[in-house]
Amino acid sequence: MEESRDVEPYLVGPVVIDSDGYRSNVAIVLCNNQRQLFWGRRIGQEAWQFPQGGMKPHETPEQAMYRELEEEVGLRKHQVEVIGCTDDWLHYQLPERFIRHHSKPLCIGQKQIWFLLRMKCRDQDVCLNWSPKPEFDHWRWVKYWQPLREVVYFKRRVYTKALKELAPLLFPDGAPARRGSNHLRQNCR
């Protein structure tokens, strides 16, 4: 379900939800010079994901990306290089149990612009507690396709689409083979 970037949004406090019920969001795939990816553990959970966050009213995806990068990873614009981003919004729906039916407008999922960044600083410059409300309590570098095996099930398809689209930017001679791809296809249905 692809749509253009001009769907009329609803402004709900600091959250932007479009007329189809998707919250505008950015996701960040941060890599190092070895083409490994930053993988963060959500605070107090055994759930791992890429940095991501909702867009604020009147914020561009790029502005939201730099804000989220600083809030969640403690890095600033001069410490990264933007390699590229997805051509359009990528969507995922929330499982029914996570939908807040009492909220208006109803948010059924997220639509995301995905950014691929290269870190230009040292690993020690990552600061997970830069924000008063940290997102992550631990992080590590992982191989390119590993997040598809570890991300929560309802985000697996959007992660797959994003990593497939961004792979040629990081691997111009061809992305590494995906291990366990048959298992993932069976479990994504």
Protein backbone atom coordinates (compact mmCIF):
# COMPACT_ATOMS: atom_id res chain seq x y z
CA MET A 1 0.00 0.00 0.00
CA GLU A 2 2.18 2.83 -1.27
CA GLU A 3 0.99 6.40 -1.34
CA SER A 4 2.44 9.74 -2.16
CA ARG A 5 3.89 12.01 0.47
CA ASP A 6 1.03 14.51 0.16
CA VAL A 7 -1.71 12.71 2.15
CA GLU A 8 -3.47 15.26 4.32
CA PRO A 9 -2.11 14.85 7.89
CA TYR A 10 -3.91 15.29 11.19
CA LEU A 11 -1.88 17.07 13.84
CA VAL A 12 -2.41 15.43 17.22
CA GLY A 13 -0.29 17.27 19.75
CA PRO A 14 3.28 16.54 18.73
CA VAL A 15 2.22 13.56 16.52
CA VAL A 16 1.35 13.62 12.81
CA ILE A 17 -1.22 11.02 11.67
CA ASP A 18 -2.38 10.97 8.03
CA SER A 19 -5.99 10.49 6.90
CA ASP A 20 -5.39 6.74 6.44
CA GLY A 21 -4.38 6.39 10.11
CA TYR A 22 -0.60 6.13 9.69
CA ARG A 23 1.74 8.05 11.97
CA SER A 24 4.54 9.82 10.08
CA ASN A 25 7.88 8.47 11.21
CA VAL A 26 11.54 8.18 10.26
CA ALA A 27 13.80 5.16 10.67
CA ILE A 28 17.60 5.24 10.78
CA VAL A 29 19.93 2.53 9.52
CA LEU A 30 23.31 3.61 10.88
CA CYS A 31 26.38 1.78 9.59
CA ASN A 32 30.09 1.79 10.31
CA ASN A 33 32.99 1.56 7.85
CA GLN A 34 32.76 -2.26 7.94
CA ARG A 35 29.13 -1.96 6.72
CA GLN A 36 27.78 -3.33 9.99
CA LEU A 37 24.54 -1.86 11.33
CA PHE A 38 23.74 -0.22 14.66
CA TRP A 39 21.25 -2.39 16.52
CA GLY A 40 19.66 -1.02 19.69
CA ARG A 41 17.94 -2.83 22.55
CA ARG A 42 14.82 -1.06 23.75
CA ILE A 43 15.19 0.05 27.33
CA GLY A 44 14.12 -2.58 29.85
CA GLN A 45 13.14 -5.11 27.14
CA GLU A 46 14.62 -7.88 25.05
CA ALA A 47 13.37 -6.11 21.92
CA TRP A 48 15.91 -4.86 19.37
CA GLN A 49 15.38 -2.31 16.60
CA PHE A 50 16.83 0.52 14.55
CA PRO A 51 16.48 4.06 15.87
CA GLN A 52 13.14 5.51 14.76
CA GLY A 53 10.67 8.12 15.81
CA GLY A 54 7.63 10.16 14.94
CA MET A 55 7.75 13.38 13.00
CA LYS A 56 6.63 16.62 14.60
CA PRO A 57 4.28 19.03 12.84
CA HIS A 58 6.03 21.06 10.11
CA GLU A 59 9.18 18.92 10.38
CA THR A 60 10.69 17.43 7.23
CA PRO A 61 11.76 13.78 7.27
CA GLU A 62 15.41 14.87 7.23
CA GLN A 63 14.91 17.24 10.18
CA ALA A 64 13.11 14.48 12.11
CA MET A 65 15.93 12.04 11.29
CA TYR A 66 18.62 14.33 12.73
CA ARG A 67 16.50 15.04 15.83
CA GLU A 68 15.86 11.33 16.42
CA LEU A 69 19.52 10.49 15.80
CA GLU A 70 20.56 12.90 18.53
CA GLU A 71 17.77 11.90 20.96
CA GLU A 72 18.23 8.14 20.63
CA VAL A 73 21.91 7.68 19.71
CA GLY A 74 23.49 10.93 20.92
CA LEU A 75 25.05 11.71 17.53
CA ARG A 76 24.85 14.98 15.62
CA LYS A 77 24.75 15.90 11.96
CA HIS A 78 28.53 16.40 11.65
CA GLN A 79 29.15 12.87 13.02
CA VAL A 80 27.32 11.08 10.21
CA GLU A 81 27.12 11.03 6.44
CA VAL A 82 23.75 10.55 4.72
CA ILE A 83 24.17 7.80 2.13
CA GLY A 84 20.55 7.84 1.01
CA CYS A 85 16.93 7.19 1.89
CA THR A 86 13.92 5.25 0.65
CA ASP A 87 12.11 6.70 -2.35
CA ASP A 88 8.76 6.83 -0.59
CA TRP A 89 6.97 6.02 2.64
CA LEU A 90 7.12 2.40 3.79
CA HIS A 91 4.18 1.26 5.94
CA TYR A 92 3.53 -1.23 8.68
CA GLN A 93 0.35 -1.91 10.58
CA LEU A 94 0.16 -2.43 14.30
CA PRO A 95 -1.31 -5.66 15.63
CA GLU A 96 -4.89 -5.17 16.83
CA ARG A 97 -3.85 -5.39 20.50
CA PHE A 98 -1.59 -2.32 20.11
CA ILE A 99 -4.18 -0.08 18.42
CA ARG A 100 -5.60 2.51 20.80
CA HIS A 101 -9.23 2.56 19.64
CA HIS A 102 -10.11 5.38 22.04
CA SER A 103 -7.64 7.77 20.36
CA LYS A 104 -8.83 10.18 17.69
CA PRO A 105 -7.75 10.15 14.98
CA LEU A 106 -7.18 6.43 15.07
CA CYS A 107 -3.55 5.35 14.48
CA ILE A 108 -3.35 1.93 12.83
CA GLY A 109 0.38 1.91 12.10
CA GLN A 110 3.35 3.90 10.93
CA LYS A 111 4.63 5.15 7.62
CA GLN A 112 8.35 5.71 7.52
CA ILE A 113 11.04 7.29 5.43
CA TRP A 114 14.17 5.21 6.02
CA PHE A 115 17.61 6.85 6.06
CA LEU A 116 20.93 5.09 5.58
CA LEU A 117 23.75 6.86 7.42
CA ARG A 118 27.46 6.17 7.84
CA MET A 119 29.00 7.00 11.21
CA LYS A 120 32.06 9.26 10.87
CA CYS A 121 32.99 9.27 14.55
CA ARG A 122 34.15 6.74 17.15
CA ASP A 123 31.92 4.10 18.71
CA GLN A 124 32.57 5.80 22.07
CA ASP A 125 30.72 8.88 20.79
CA VAL A 126 27.41 7.00 20.88
CA CYS A 127 25.48 8.20 23.93
CA LEU A 128 22.26 6.32 24.62
CA ASN A 129 21.29 8.47 27.61
CA TRP A 130 21.59 11.86 25.89
CA SER A 131 17.80 12.28 26.07
CA PRO A 132 15.87 12.52 29.36
CA LYS A 133 13.79 9.52 28.13
CA PRO A 134 16.28 7.10 26.54
CA GLU A 135 15.02 4.65 23.92
CA PHE A 136 17.86 2.13 24.19
CA ASP A 137 19.91 0.69 27.06
CA HIS A 138 22.41 -1.27 24.93
CA TRP A 139 23.62 -1.44 21.35
CA ARG A 140 25.88 -3.50 19.13
CA TRP A 141 27.06 -3.76 15.52
CA VAL A 142 25.37 -6.52 13.48
CA LYS A 143 25.64 -7.94 9.97
CA TYR A 144 23.38 -6.36 7.35
CA TRP A 145 20.52 -8.90 7.31
CA GLN A 146 20.62 -9.88 11.02
CA PRO A 147 17.88 -7.41 12.05
CA LEU A 148 15.38 -9.39 9.96
CA ARG A 149 15.85 -12.34 12.31
CA GLU A 150 15.55 -10.30 15.51
CA VAL A 151 13.04 -7.49 14.98
CA VAL A 152 9.52 -7.87 16.39
CA TYR A 153 7.35 -9.86 13.97
CA PHE A 154 5.00 -7.06 12.86
CA LYS A 155 7.91 -4.88 11.70
CA ARG A 156 9.68 -7.66 9.78
CA ARG A 157 8.13 -6.89 6.37
CA VAL A 158 8.88 -3.17 6.51
CA TYR A 159 12.45 -3.91 7.65
CA THR A 160 12.83 -6.31 4.72
CA LYS A 161 11.54 -3.74 2.21
CA ALA A 162 13.77 -1.00 3.62
CA LEU A 163 16.95 -3.09 3.76
CA LYS A 164 16.35 -4.42 0.22
CA GLU A 165 15.87 -0.88 -1.10
CA LEU A 166 18.90 0.55 0.73
CA ALA A 167 21.28 -2.38 0.13
CA PRO A 168 22.58 -1.19 -3.30
CA LEU A 169 23.67 2.10 -1.69
CA LEU A 170 25.89 0.28 0.80
CA PHE A 171 26.81 -2.69 -1.39
CA PRO A 172 27.11 -1.40 -4.98
CA ASP A 173 28.66 -4.73 -6.08
CA GLY A 174 25.84 -6.76 -4.54
CA ALA A 175 24.52 -7.26 -1.02
CA PRO A 176 25.67 -10.23 1.06
CA ALA A 177 23.50 -13.35 0.87
CA ARG A 178 20.63 -13.56 3.31
CA ARG A 179 20.85 -16.55 5.60
CA GLY A 180 17.59 -18.13 6.70
CA SER A 181 15.50 -16.26 4.13
CA ASN A 182 13.16 -19.24 3.57
CA HIS A 183 12.46 -19.37 7.31
CA LEU A 184 11.71 -15.65 7.31
CA ARG A 185 9.34 -15.88 4.33
CA GLN A 186 7.38 -18.64 6.04
CA ASN A 187 7.11 -16.69 9.30
CA CYS A 188 6.09 -13.40 7.66
CA ARG A 189 2.77 -14.74 6.38
